[in-house]
């Protein structure tokens, strides 16, 4: 899939390895790289359910978004874009 980002800073966090590690720490950065690779190799959102990222479709105020586990607390939040197969990376958050 093609990846897009909600803002430039989030794009740097997801694409620049040293910036990623500095802002998120080694453990989260390592998992983020894996989840980004999963997104790039997937043909559609359903393919992510077969991967190791524990992807899940969210509900309520996050309806239409998907979450992937980075660590016990950190998640990568994405949303399928109108232009399939494009995914918009929304945020990296500790929401627990």
Protein backbone atom coordinates (compact mmCIF):
# COMPACT_ATOMS: atom_id res chain seq x y z
CA UNK A 1 0.00 0.00 0.00
CA UNK A 2 0.96 3.60 -0.44
CA UNK A 3 1.48 5.53 2.80
CA UNK A 4 0.52 9.13 3.53
CA UNK A 5 0.90 11.07 6.76
CA UNK A 6 -1.27 13.66 8.52
CA UNK A 7 1.69 16.03 8.94
CA UNK A 8 5.39 16.40 8.19
CA UNK A 9 6.54 15.71 11.76
CA UNK A 10 4.73 12.36 11.82
CA UNK A 11 6.28 11.48 8.47
CA UNK A 12 9.76 12.12 9.94
CA UNK A 13 8.92 9.94 12.94
CA UNK A 14 7.97 7.11 10.60
CA UNK A 15 10.70 7.43 7.97
CA UNK A 16 13.87 8.84 9.62
CA UNK A 17 15.41 6.09 11.77
CA UNK A 18 17.50 8.37 14.00
CA UNK A 19 14.62 10.82 14.55
CA UNK A 20 12.29 7.90 15.25
CA UNK A 21 14.60 6.43 17.86
CA UNK A 22 15.29 9.80 19.48
CA UNK A 23 11.58 10.69 19.79
CA UNK A 24 10.10 7.26 20.56
CA UNK A 25 12.89 5.19 22.08
CA UNK A 26 14.58 2.06 20.81
CA UNK A 27 11.83 -0.46 21.57
CA UNK A 28 8.97 1.54 20.02
CA UNK A 29 11.12 2.54 17.01
CA UNK A 30 11.98 -1.09 16.27
CA UNK A 31 8.31 -2.14 16.27
CA UNK A 32 7.27 0.93 14.29
CA UNK A 33 9.66 -0.04 11.49
CA UNK A 34 8.05 -3.49 11.38
CA UNK A 35 4.50 -2.09 11.24
CA UNK A 36 5.43 0.36 8.47
CA UNK A 37 6.89 -2.56 6.49
CA UNK A 38 3.65 -4.53 7.04
CA UNK A 39 1.61 -1.61 5.72
CA UNK A 40 3.78 -1.25 2.62
CA UNK A 41 3.57 -4.95 1.78
CA UNK A 42 -0.19 -5.34 2.38
CA UNK A 43 -2.53 -5.21 -0.59
CA UNK A 44 -5.56 -4.23 1.48
CA UNK A 45 -6.45 -3.62 5.13
CA UNK A 46 -7.72 -7.19 5.62
CA UNK A 47 -4.23 -8.51 4.84
CA UNK A 48 -2.97 -6.86 8.03
CA UNK A 49 -5.04 -9.19 10.19
CA UNK A 50 -2.73 -12.03 9.13
CA UNK A 51 0.43 -10.20 10.29
CA UNK A 52 2.10 -10.00 13.67
CA UNK A 53 1.13 -6.43 14.57
CA UNK A 54 -2.14 -7.38 16.22
CA UNK A 55 -4.02 -5.04 13.91
CA UNK A 56 -7.60 -4.28 14.86
CA UNK A 57 -10.35 -2.10 13.52
CA UNK A 58 -11.36 0.53 16.06
CA UNK A 59 -14.84 1.67 17.02
CA UNK A 60 -16.71 4.53 18.74
CA UNK A 61 -14.87 7.85 18.37
CA UNK A 62 -12.14 6.12 16.33
CA UNK A 63 -14.50 4.34 13.93
CA UNK A 64 -12.89 3.88 10.53
CA UNK A 65 -9.38 3.77 11.99
CA UNK A 66 -7.12 0.79 12.59
CA UNK A 67 -4.63 0.21 15.41
CA UNK A 68 -1.42 -1.82 15.48
CA UNK A 69 0.38 -2.73 18.67
CA UNK A 70 3.91 -1.37 19.00
CA UNK A 71 4.42 -2.18 22.69
CA UNK A 72 2.09 -2.99 25.56
CA UNK A 73 0.87 0.64 25.60
CA UNK A 74 1.96 2.28 22.32
CA UNK A 75 -0.14 2.02 19.15
CA UNK A 76 0.18 3.08 15.53
CA UNK A 77 -3.16 4.50 14.33
CA UNK A 78 -3.97 4.48 10.61
CA UNK A 79 -7.02 5.15 8.46
CA UNK A 80 -7.73 3.75 5.00
CA UNK A 81 -7.75 6.66 2.57
CA UNK A 82 -10.39 7.14 -0.10
CA UNK A 83 -7.79 6.25 -2.74
CA UNK A 84 -7.40 2.51 -2.12
CA UNK A 85 -4.80 1.10 -1.62
CA UNK A 86 -3.61 4.20 0.26
CA UNK A 87 -3.36 4.44 4.04
CA UNK A 88 -3.18 7.65 6.05
CA UNK A 89 -1.00 7.35 9.14
CA UNK A 90 -2.86 9.32 11.80
CA UNK A 91 -0.72 9.11 14.94
CA UNK A 92 1.55 7.16 17.24
CA UNK A 93 0.04 7.23 20.70
CA UNK A 94 0.17 5.78 24.18
CA UNK A 95 -3.58 5.63 24.80
CA UNK A 96 -3.66 3.19 27.67
